[in-house]
Amino acid sequence: MTTNLAECINFVLKGACSLSIAALVEATFEITKTWFVEWVFKIDTMLRAGHYYSENITTLPRKKSTRFGYVFCGKV
């Protein structure tokens, strides 16, 4: 795992070594800005549809409950 991670980072940094620091910062900013806009749009549409929790949060308990069976945790 560590070797694959190191090889991946080296591959990325080989392309980045020819760029200036300003170009790296600008590229990182643009990628982050794009990601942020996409997530804001997704969250806004979910809230408008009446979903208050992420799809990942609501589907995870269903997957786990079908895998392990139902376990009731509540007041006795």
PDB file of N, CA and C in Angstrom:
ATOM      1  N   MET A   1       0.822  -1.191   0.000  1.00  0.00           N
ATOM      2  CA  MET A   1       0.000   0.000   0.000  1.00  0.00           C
ATOM      3  C   MET A   1       0.862   1.250   0.000  1.00  0.00           C
ATOM      4  N   THR A   2       1.878   1.275   0.833  1.00  0.00           N
ATOM      5  CA  THR A   2       2.732   2.458   0.921  1.00  0.00           C
ATOM      6  C   THR A   2       3.486   2.674  -0.385  1.00  0.00           C
ATOM      7  N   THR A   3       3.950   1.596  -1.002  1.00  0.00           N
ATOM      8  CA  THR A   3       4.686   1.714  -2.256  1.00  0.00           C
ATOM      9  C   THR A   3       3.798   2.278  -3.346  1.00  0.00           C
ATOM     10  N   ASN A   4       2.555   1.797  -3.446  1.00  0.00           N
ATOM     11  CA  ASN A   4       1.645   2.315  -4.450  1.00  0.00           C
ATOM     12  C   ASN A   4       1.332   3.784  -4.213  1.00  0.00           C
ATOM     13  N   LEU A   5       1.159   4.160  -2.965  1.00  0.00           N
ATOM     14  CA  LEU A   5       0.885   5.550  -2.639  1.00  0.00           C
ATOM     15  C   LEU A   5       2.081   6.428  -2.993  1.00  0.00           C
ATOM     16  N   ALA A   6       3.273   5.970  -2.667  1.00  0.00           N
ATOM     17  CA  ALA A   6       4.481   6.739  -2.977  1.00  0.00           C
ATOM     18  C   ALA A   6       4.655   6.873  -4.488  1.00  0.00           C
ATOM     19  N   GLU A   7       4.385   5.805  -5.229  1.00  0.00           N
ATOM     20  CA  GLU A   7       4.495   5.870  -6.690  1.00  0.00           C
ATOM     21  C   GLU A   7       3.475   6.836  -7.272  1.00  0.00           C
ATOM     22  N   CYS A   8       2.288   6.847  -6.727  1.00  0.00           N
ATOM     23  CA  CYS A   8       1.247   7.759  -7.197  1.00  0.00           C
ATOM     24  C   CYS A   8       1.645   9.205  -6.942  1.00  0.00           C
ATOM     25  N   ILE A   9       2.147   9.482  -5.744  1.00  0.00           N
ATOM     26  CA  ILE A   9       2.557  10.851  -5.412  1.00  0.00           C
ATOM     27  C   ILE A   9       3.730  11.272  -6.281  1.00  0.00           C
ATOM     28  N   ASN A  10       4.676  10.378  -6.509  1.00  0.00           N
ATOM     29  CA  ASN A  10       5.806  10.704  -7.374  1.00  0.00           C
ATOM     30  C   ASN A  10       5.352  11.001  -8.790  1.00  0.00           C
ATOM     31  N   PHE A  11       4.389  10.246  -9.294  1.00  0.00           N
ATOM     32  CA  PHE A  11       3.875  10.473 -10.644  1.00  0.00           C
ATOM     33  C   PHE A  11       3.230  11.846 -10.758  1.00  0.00           C
ATOM     34  N   VAL A  12       2.460  12.220  -9.746  1.00  0.00           N
ATOM     35  CA  VAL A  12       1.810  13.533  -9.754  1.00  0.00           C
ATOM     36  C   VAL A  12       2.845  14.639  -9.648  1.00  0.00           C
ATOM     37  N   LEU A  13       3.828  14.468  -8.785  1.00  0.00           N
ATOM     38  CA  LEU A  13       4.826  15.517  -8.579  1.00  0.00           C
ATOM     39  C   LEU A  13       5.781  15.666  -9.749  1.00  0.00           C
ATOM     40  N   LYS A  14       5.985  14.622 -10.549  1.00  0.00           N
ATOM     41  CA  LYS A  14       6.842  14.743 -11.729  1.00  0.00           C
ATOM     42  C   LYS A  14       6.264  15.760 -12.705  1.00  0.00           C
ATOM     43  N   GLY A  15       4.951  15.741 -12.878  1.00  0.00           N
ATOM     44  CA  GLY A  15       4.321  16.717 -13.757  1.00  0.00           C
ATOM     45  C   GLY A  15       4.284  18.099 -13.142  1.00  0.00           C
ATOM     46  N   ALA A  16       4.257  18.161 -11.821  1.00  0.00           N
ATOM     47  CA  ALA A  16       4.135  19.452 -11.141  1.00  0.00           C
ATOM     48  C   ALA A  16       5.477  20.161 -10.977  1.00  0.00           C
ATOM     49  N   CYS A  17       6.582  19.463 -11.131  1.00  0.00           N
ATOM     50  CA  CYS A  17       7.871  20.101 -10.871  1.00  0.00           C
ATOM     51  C   CYS A  17       8.207  21.148 -11.926  1.00  0.00           C
ATOM     52  N   SER A  18       7.579  21.072 -13.095  1.00  0.00           N
ATOM     53  CA  SER A  18       7.862  22.063 -14.124  1.00  0.00           C
ATOM     54  C   SER A  18       6.962  23.288 -14.007  1.00  0.00           C
ATOM     55  N   LEU A  19       5.995  23.258 -13.122  1.00  0.00           N
ATOM     56  CA  LEU A  19       5.090  24.390 -12.950  1.00  0.00           C
ATOM     57  C   LEU A  19       5.578  25.319 -11.845  1.00  0.00           C
ATOM     58  N   SER A  20       5.166  26.565 -11.935  1.00  0.00           N
ATOM     59  CA  SER A  20       5.521  27.515 -10.880  1.00  0.00           C
ATOM     60  C   SER A  20       4.585  27.327  -9.689  1.00  0.00           C
ATOM     61  N   ILE A  21       4.968  27.873  -8.563  1.00  0.00           N
ATOM     62  CA  ILE A  21       4.141  27.772  -7.360  1.00  0.00           C
ATOM     63  C   ILE A  21       2.797  28.455  -7.584  1.00  0.00           C
ATOM     64  N   ALA A  22       2.812  29.591  -8.247  1.00  0.00           N
ATOM     65  CA  ALA A  22       1.569  30.318  -8.508  1.00  0.00           C
ATOM     66  C   ALA A  22       0.619  29.482  -9.360  1.00  0.00           C
ATOM     67  N   ALA A  23       1.142  28.774 -10.338  1.00  0.00           N
ATOM     68  CA  ALA A  23       0.296  27.932 -11.186  1.00  0.00           C
ATOM     69  C   ALA A  23      -0.294  26.776 -10.389  1.00  0.00           C
ATOM     70  N   LEU A  24       0.496  26.200  -9.487  1.00  0.00           N
ATOM     71  CA  LEU A  24      -0.013  25.114  -8.645  1.00  0.00           C
ATOM     72  C   LEU A  24      -1.115  25.601  -7.719  1.00  0.00           C
ATOM     73  N   VAL A  25      -0.909  26.769  -7.116  1.00  0.00           N
ATOM     74  CA  VAL A  25      -1.923  27.319  -6.218  1.00  0.00           C
ATOM     75  C   VAL A  25      -3.187  27.654  -6.992  1.00  0.00           C
ATOM     76  N   GLU A  26      -3.036  28.231  -8.172  1.00  0.00           N
ATOM     77  CA  GLU A  26      -4.205  28.586  -8.981  1.00  0.00           C
ATOM     78  C   GLU A  26      -4.968  27.344  -9.427  1.00  0.00           C
ATOM     79  N   ALA A  27      -4.256  26.302  -9.836  1.00  0.00           N
ATOM     80  CA  ALA A  27      -4.912  25.056 -10.253  1.00  0.00           C
ATOM     81  C   ALA A  27      -5.657  24.423  -9.078  1.00  0.00           C
ATOM     82  N   THR A  28      -5.035  24.411  -7.911  1.00  0.00           N
ATOM     83  CA  THR A  28      -5.686  23.857  -6.727  1.00  0.00           C
ATOM     84  C   THR A  28      -6.929  24.659  -6.369  1.00  0.00           C
ATOM     85  N   PHE A  29      -6.842  25.973  -6.472  1.00  0.00           N
ATOM     86  CA  PHE A  29      -7.978  26.835  -6.173  1.00  0.00           C
ATOM     87  C   PHE A  29      -9.131  26.564  -7.139  1.00  0.00           C
ATOM     88  N   GLU A  30      -8.836  26.442  -8.431  1.00  0.00           N
ATOM     89  CA  GLU A  30      -9.884  26.220  -9.422  1.00  0.00           C
ATOM     90  C   GLU A  30     -10.569  24.869  -9.220  1.00  0.00           C
ATOM     91  N   ILE A  31      -9.793  23.839  -8.915  1.00  0.00           N
ATOM     92  CA  ILE A  31     -10.369  22.513  -8.683  1.00  0.00           C
ATOM     93  C   ILE A  31     -11.254  22.536  -7.436  1.00  0.00           C
ATOM     94  N   THR A  32     -10.771  23.180  -6.374  1.00  0.00           N
ATOM     95  CA  THR A  32     -11.551  23.273  -5.139  1.00  0.00           C
ATOM     96  C   THR A  32     -12.827  24.074  -5.360  1.00  0.00           C
ATOM     97  N   LYS A  33     -12.733  25.159  -6.116  1.00  0.00           N
ATOM     98  CA  LYS A  33     -13.903  25.993  -6.395  1.00  0.00           C
ATOM     99  C   LYS A  33     -14.948  25.205  -7.183  1.00  0.00           C
ATOM    100  N   THR A  34     -14.508  24.442  -8.174  1.00  0.00           N
ATOM    101  CA  THR A  34     -15.430  23.624  -8.965  1.00  0.00           C
ATOM    102  C   THR A  34     -16.110  22.584  -8.091  1.00  0.00           C
ATOM    103  N   TRP A  35     -15.336  21.923  -7.243  1.00  0.00           N
ATOM    104  CA  TRP A  35     -15.890  20.909  -6.347  1.00  0.00           C
ATOM    105  C   TRP A  35     -16.905  21.533  -5.397  1.00  0.00           C
ATOM    106  N   PHE A  36     -16.578  22.700  -4.866  1.00  0.00           N
ATOM    107  CA  PHE A  36     -17.467  23.366  -3.925  1.00  0.00           C
ATOM    108  C   PHE A  36     -18.787  23.745  -4.585  1.00  0.00           C
ATOM    109  N   VAL A  37     -18.741  24.279  -5.793  1.00  0.00           N
ATOM    110  CA  VAL A  37     -19.960  24.669  -6.498  1.00  0.00           C
ATOM    111  C   VAL A  37     -20.835  23.451  -6.780  1.00  0.00           C
ATOM    112  N   GLU A  38     -20.220  22.336  -7.183  1.00  0.00           N
ATOM    113  CA  GLU A  38     -20.984  21.110  -7.444  1.00  0.00           C
ATOM    114  C   GLU A  38     -21.688  20.621  -6.183  1.00  0.00           C
ATOM    115  N   TRP A  39     -20.982  20.627  -5.055  1.00  0.00           N
ATOM    116  CA  TRP A  39     -21.569  20.139  -3.816  1.00  0.00           C
ATOM    117  C   TRP A  39     -22.650  21.072  -3.293  1.00  0.00           C
ATOM    118  N   VAL A  40     -22.468  22.387  -3.461  1.00  0.00           N
ATOM    119  CA  VAL A  40     -23.498  23.329  -3.031  1.00  0.00           C
ATOM    120  C   VAL A  40     -24.769  23.110  -3.843  1.00  0.00           C
ATOM    121  N   PHE A  41     -24.616  22.896  -5.140  1.00  0.00           N
ATOM    122  CA  PHE A  41     -25.780  22.652  -5.995  1.00  0.00           C
ATOM    123  C   PHE A  41     -26.482  21.350  -5.586  1.00  0.00           C
ATOM    124  N   LYS A  42     -25.705  20.307  -5.323  1.00  0.00           N
ATOM    125  CA  LYS A  42     -26.289  19.026  -4.925  1.00  0.00           C
ATOM    126  C   LYS A  42     -27.021  19.151  -3.589  1.00  0.00           C
ATOM    127  N   ILE A  43     -26.411  19.823  -2.629  1.00  0.00           N
ATOM    128  CA  ILE A  43     -27.037  19.976  -1.315  1.00  0.00           C
ATOM    129  C   ILE A  43     -28.289  20.840  -1.417  1.00  0.00           C
ATOM    130  N   ASP A  44     -28.242  21.892  -2.245  1.00  0.00           N
ATOM    131  CA  ASP A  44     -29.403  22.759  -2.408  1.00  0.00           C
ATOM    132  C   ASP A  44     -30.581  21.988  -3.002  1.00  0.00           C
ATOM    133  N   THR A  45     -30.331  21.161  -4.011  1.00  0.00           N
ATOM    134  CA  THR A  45     -31.426  20.379  -4.600  1.00  0.00           C
ATOM    135  C   THR A  45     -31.964  19.347  -3.612  1.00  0.00           C
ATOM    136  N   MET A  46     -31.088  18.774  -2.786  1.00  0.00           N
ATOM    137  CA  MET A  46     -31.557  17.818  -1.783  1.00  0.00           C
ATOM    138  C   MET A  46     -32.442  18.496  -0.749  1.00  0.00           C
ATOM    139  N   LEU A  47     -32.045  19.694  -0.295  1.00  0.00           N
ATOM    140  CA  LEU A  47     -32.843  20.403   0.698  1.00  0.00           C
ATOM    141  C   LEU A  47     -34.183  20.850   0.119  1.00  0.00           C
ATOM    142  N   ARG A  48     -34.191  21.275  -1.128  1.00  0.00           N
ATOM    143  CA  ARG A  48     -35.448  21.680  -1.758  1.00  0.00           C
ATOM    144  C   ARG A  48     -36.393  20.498  -1.936  1.00  0.00           C
ATOM    145  N   ALA A  49     -35.832  19.290  -2.089  1.00  0.00           N
ATOM    146  CA  ALA A  49     -36.653  18.095  -2.239  1.00  0.00           C
ATOM    147  C   ALA A  49     -37.126  17.561  -0.892  1.00  0.00           C
ATOM    148  N   GLY A  50     -36.651  18.150   0.202  1.00  0.00           N
ATOM    149  CA  GLY A  50     -37.091  17.722   1.521  1.00  0.00           C
ATOM    150  C   GLY A  50     -36.176  16.718   2.188  1.00  0.00           C
ATOM    151  N   HIS A  51     -35.020  16.454   1.604  1.00  0.00           N
ATOM    152  CA  HIS A  51     -34.057  15.537   2.211  1.00  0.00           C
ATOM    153  C   HIS A  51     -33.156  16.335   3.143  1.00  0.00           C
ATOM    154  N   TYR A  52     -33.175  15.994   4.419  1.00  0.00           N
ATOM    155  CA  TYR A  52     -32.363  16.722   5.377  1.00  0.00           C
ATOM    156  C   TYR A  52     -31.066  16.004   5.702  1.00  0.00           C
ATOM    157  N   TYR A  53     -30.935  14.764   5.262  1.00  0.00           N
ATOM    158  CA  TYR A  53     -29.723  13.998   5.482  1.00  0.00           C
ATOM    159  C   TYR A  53     -29.181  13.535   4.142  1.00  0.00           C
ATOM    160  N   SER A  54     -27.893  13.337   4.055  1.00  0.00           N
ATOM    161  CA  SER A  54     -27.253  12.891   2.828  1.00  0.00           C
ATOM    162  C   SER A  54     -27.737  11.494   2.458  1.00  0.00           C
ATOM    163  N   GLU A  55     -27.715  11.196   1.171  1.00  0.00           N
ATOM    164  CA  GLU A  55     -28.121   9.864   0.710  1.00  0.00           C
ATOM    165  C   GLU A  55     -27.208   8.794   1.285  1.00  0.00           C
ATOM    166  N   ASN A  56     -25.930   9.116   1.440  1.00  0.00           N
ATOM    167  CA  ASN A  56     -24.990   8.148   2.004  1.00  0.00           C
ATOM    168  C   ASN A  56     -25.350   7.808   3.441  1.00  0.00           C
ATOM    169  N   ILE A  57     -25.785   8.796   4.197  1.00  0.00           N
ATOM    170  CA  ILE A  57     -26.142   8.559   5.595  1.00  0.00           C
ATOM    171  C   ILE A  57     -27.416   7.741   5.708  1.00  0.00           C
ATOM    172  N   THR A  58     -28.384   7.969   4.821  1.00  0.00           N
ATOM    173  CA  THR A  58     -29.650   7.240   4.924  1.00  0.00           C
ATOM    174  C   THR A  58     -29.568   5.829   4.364  1.00  0.00           C
ATOM    175  N   THR A  59     -28.697   5.571   3.405  1.00  0.00           N
ATOM    176  CA  THR A  59     -28.609   4.230   2.836  1.00  0.00           C
ATOM    177  C   THR A  59     -27.689   3.313   3.634  1.00  0.00           C
ATOM    178  N   LEU A  60     -26.734   3.870   4.343  1.00  0.00           N
ATOM    179  CA  LEU A  60     -25.790   3.043   5.097  1.00  0.00           C
ATOM    180  C   LEU A  60     -26.478   2.187   6.159  1.00  0.00           C
ATOM    181  N   PRO A  61     -27.374   2.738   6.999  1.00  0.00           N
ATOM    182  CA  PRO A  61     -28.041   1.866   7.986  1.00  0.00           C
ATOM    183  C   PRO A  61     -28.880   0.767   7.331  1.00  0.00           C
ATOM    184  N   ARG A  62     -29.488   1.072   6.181  1.00  0.00           N
ATOM    185  CA  ARG A  62     -30.265   0.030   5.493  1.00  0.00           C
ATOM    186  C   ARG A  62     -29.370  -1.101   5.017  1.00  0.00           C
ATOM    187  N   LYS A  63     -28.218  -0.761   4.475  1.00  0.00           N
ATOM    188  CA  LYS A  63     -27.286  -1.790   4.011  1.00  0.00           C
ATOM    189  C   LYS A  63     -26.796  -2.635   5.180  1.00  0.00           C
ATOM    190  N   LYS A  64     -26.450  -1.967   6.276  1.00  0.00           N
ATOM    191  CA  LYS A  64     -25.943  -2.696   7.438  1.00  0.00           C
ATOM    192  C   LYS A  64     -27.032  -3.561   8.070  1.00  0.00           C
ATOM    193  N   SER A  65     -28.270  -3.060   8.105  1.00  0.00           N
ATOM    194  CA  SER A  65     -29.330  -3.827   8.736  1.00  0.00           C
ATOM    195  C   SER A  65     -29.668  -5.069   7.921  1.00  0.00           C
ATOM    196  N   THR A  66     -29.589  -5.006   6.610  1.00  0.00           N
ATOM    197  CA  THR A  66     -29.864  -6.191   5.801  1.00  0.00           C
ATOM    198  C   THR A  66     -28.701  -7.165   5.876  1.00  0.00           C
ATOM    199  N   ARG A  67     -27.519  -6.662   6.108  1.00  0.00           N
ATOM    200  CA  ARG A  67     -26.355  -7.536   6.184  1.00  0.00           C
ATOM    201  C   ARG A  67     -26.291  -8.276   7.518  1.00  0.00           C
ATOM    202  N   PHE A  68     -26.573  -7.575   8.604  1.00  0.00           N
ATOM    203  CA  PHE A  68     -26.431  -8.164   9.932  1.00  0.00           C
ATOM    204  C   PHE A  68     -27.759  -8.524  10.588  1.00  0.00           C
ATOM    205  N   GLY A  69     -28.847  -8.158  10.007  1.00  0.00           N
ATOM    206  CA  GLY A  69     -30.136  -8.380  10.643  1.00  0.00           C
ATOM    207  C   GLY A  69     -30.484  -7.191  11.522  1.00  0.00           C
ATOM    208  N   TYR A  70     -31.732  -7.089  11.896  1.00  0.00           N
ATOM    209  CA  TYR A  70     -32.172  -5.955  12.686  1.00  0.00           C
ATOM    210  C   TYR A  70     -31.777  -6.121  14.142  1.00  0.00           C
ATOM    211  N   VAL A  71     -31.295  -5.072  14.728  1.00  0.00           N
ATOM    212  CA  VAL A  71     -30.966  -5.038  16.148  1.00  0.00           C
ATOM    213  C   VAL A  71     -31.727  -3.846  16.722  1.00  0.00           C
ATOM    214  N   PHE A  72     -32.605  -4.121  17.681  1.00  0.00           N
ATOM    215  CA  PHE A  72     -33.422  -3.059  18.264  1.00  0.00           C
ATOM    216  C   PHE A  72     -32.687  -2.454  19.438  1.00  0.00           C
ATOM    217  N   CYS A  73     -32.434  -1.189  19.383  1.00  0.00           N
ATOM    218  CA  CYS A  73     -31.801  -0.471  20.482  1.00  0.00           C
ATOM    219  C   CYS A  73     -32.760   0.633  20.906  1.00  0.00           C
ATOM    220  N   GLY A  74     -33.358   0.488  22.033  1.00  0.00           N
ATOM    221  CA  GLY A  74     -34.307   1.488  22.498  1.00  0.00           C
ATOM    222  C   GLY A  74     -34.572   1.300  23.968  1.00  0.00           C
ATOM    223  N   LYS A  75     -35.509   2.071  24.479  1.00  0.00           N
ATOM    224  CA  LYS A  75     -35.842   1.963  25.889  1.00  0.00           C
ATOM    225  C   LYS A  75     -36.653   0.698  26.127  1.00  0.00           C
ATOM    226  N   VAL A  76     -36.381   0.075  27.235  1.00  0.00           N
ATOM    227  CA  VAL A  76     -37.078  -1.164  27.581  1.00  0.00           C
ATOM    228  C   VAL A  76     -38.289  -0.874  28.418  1.00  0.00           C
TER     229      VAL A  76
END
